[in-house]
């Protein structure tokens, strides 16, 4: 499925610069995943979380990462 999705975006496994692009795609995926986790805890975005999160909130976010 991942290969098909990447090919749909114009990437092929034979592409010389595949590894850097894969890293970029995964970084974007993890950033979006982190944002969703933060929003599930009731915060608007990372800045809101950093400004208002309690230790309990931080522990809850860490549990989502496991």
C-alpha atoms as a PDB file:
ATOM      1  CA  UNK A   1       0.000   0.000   0.000  1.00  0.00           C
ATOM      2  CA  UNK A   2       2.822   2.399   0.873  1.00  0.00           C
ATOM      3  CA  UNK A   3       4.558   1.681  -2.440  1.00  0.00           C
ATOM      4  CA  UNK A   4       1.331   2.346  -4.350  1.00  0.00           C
ATOM      5  CA  UNK A   5       0.774   5.591  -2.434  1.00  0.00           C
ATOM      6  CA  UNK A   6       4.319   6.753  -3.134  1.00  0.00           C
ATOM      7  CA  UNK A   7       4.033   5.827  -6.804  1.00  0.00           C
ATOM      8  CA  UNK A   8       0.794   7.821  -6.905  1.00  0.00           C
ATOM      9  CA  UNK A   9       2.771  10.825  -5.674  1.00  0.00           C
ATOM     10  CA  UNK A  10       5.305  10.345  -8.455  1.00  0.00           C
ATOM     11  CA  UNK A  11       7.957   8.405  -6.537  1.00  0.00           C
ATOM     12  CA  UNK A  12       9.392   5.078  -7.611  1.00  0.00           C
ATOM     13  CA  UNK A  13      11.641   2.718  -5.688  1.00  0.00           C
ATOM     14  CA  UNK A  14      14.217   3.019  -8.484  1.00  0.00           C
ATOM     15  CA  UNK A  15      14.524   6.752  -7.994  1.00  0.00           C
ATOM     16  CA  UNK A  16      18.045   7.729  -6.883  1.00  0.00           C
ATOM     17  CA  UNK A  17      16.823  10.297  -4.368  1.00  0.00           C
ATOM     18  CA  UNK A  18      14.214   7.981  -2.869  1.00  0.00           C
ATOM     19  CA  UNK A  19      15.727   7.772   0.639  1.00  0.00           C
ATOM     20  CA  UNK A  20      15.726  11.549   1.320  1.00  0.00           C
ATOM     21  CA  UNK A  21      12.166  11.806  -0.006  1.00  0.00           C
ATOM     22  CA  UNK A  22      11.079   8.847   2.116  1.00  0.00           C
ATOM     23  CA  UNK A  23      12.549  10.566   5.178  1.00  0.00           C
ATOM     24  CA  UNK A  24      10.728  13.792   4.286  1.00  0.00           C
ATOM     25  CA  UNK A  25       7.419  11.959   3.840  1.00  0.00           C
ATOM     26  CA  UNK A  26       7.815  10.090   7.136  1.00  0.00           C
ATOM     27  CA  UNK A  27       8.713  13.318   8.974  1.00  0.00           C
ATOM     28  CA  UNK A  28       5.531  14.942   7.655  1.00  0.00           C
ATOM     29  CA  UNK A  29       3.503  11.893   8.669  1.00  0.00           C
ATOM     30  CA  UNK A  30       4.893  11.950  12.228  1.00  0.00           C
ATOM     31  CA  UNK A  31       4.309  15.720  12.551  1.00  0.00           C
ATOM     32  CA  UNK A  32       0.671  15.272  11.491  1.00  0.00           C
ATOM     33  CA  UNK A  33       0.312  12.320  13.861  1.00  0.00           C
ATOM     34  CA  UNK A  34       1.730  14.369  16.753  1.00  0.00           C
ATOM     35  CA  UNK A  35      -0.709  17.198  15.990  1.00  0.00           C
ATOM     36  CA  UNK A  36      -3.653  14.776  16.038  1.00  0.00           C
ATOM     37  CA  UNK A  37      -2.492  13.354  19.369  1.00  0.00           C
ATOM     38  CA  UNK A  38      -2.188  16.861  20.831  1.00  0.00           C
ATOM     39  CA  UNK A  39      -5.643  17.803  19.536  1.00  0.00           C
ATOM     40  CA  UNK A  40      -7.125  14.625  21.046  1.00  0.00           C
ATOM     41  CA  UNK A  41      -5.856  15.886  24.407  1.00  0.00           C
ATOM     42  CA  UNK A  42      -7.835  19.114  23.879  1.00  0.00           C
ATOM     43  CA  UNK A  43      -5.134  21.489  22.632  1.00  0.00           C
ATOM     44  CA  UNK A  44      -5.308  23.538  19.421  1.00  0.00           C
ATOM     45  CA  UNK A  45      -1.713  22.927  18.306  1.00  0.00           C
ATOM     46  CA  UNK A  46       1.825  22.324  19.563  1.00  0.00           C
ATOM     47  CA  UNK A  47       2.243  25.936  20.704  1.00  0.00           C
ATOM     48  CA  UNK A  48      -0.978  25.700  22.737  1.00  0.00           C
ATOM     49  CA  UNK A  49       0.223  22.413  24.236  1.00  0.00           C
ATOM     50  CA  UNK A  50       3.640  23.843  25.138  1.00  0.00           C
ATOM     51  CA  UNK A  51       2.038  26.894  26.777  1.00  0.00           C
ATOM     52  CA  UNK A  52      -0.713  25.159  28.761  1.00  0.00           C
ATOM     53  CA  UNK A  53       0.096  21.467  29.213  1.00  0.00           C
ATOM     54  CA  UNK A  54       0.438  20.069  32.704  1.00  0.00           C
ATOM     55  CA  UNK A  55       2.706  17.185  33.637  1.00  0.00           C
ATOM     56  CA  UNK A  56      -0.343  14.905  33.388  1.00  0.00           C
ATOM     57  CA  UNK A  57      -0.965  16.128  29.811  1.00  0.00           C
ATOM     58  CA  UNK A  58       2.669  15.470  28.896  1.00  0.00           C
ATOM     59  CA  UNK A  59       2.487  11.956  30.337  1.00  0.00           C
ATOM     60  CA  UNK A  60      -0.744  11.302  28.401  1.00  0.00           C
ATOM     61  CA  UNK A  61       0.945  12.411  25.167  1.00  0.00           C
ATOM     62  CA  UNK A  62       3.931  10.189  25.890  1.00  0.00           C
ATOM     63  CA  UNK A  63       1.583   7.212  26.368  1.00  0.00           C
ATOM     64  CA  UNK A  64       0.055   7.872  22.927  1.00  0.00           C
ATOM     65  CA  UNK A  65       3.531   7.576  21.394  1.00  0.00           C
ATOM     66  CA  UNK A  66       4.071   4.068  22.791  1.00  0.00           C
END
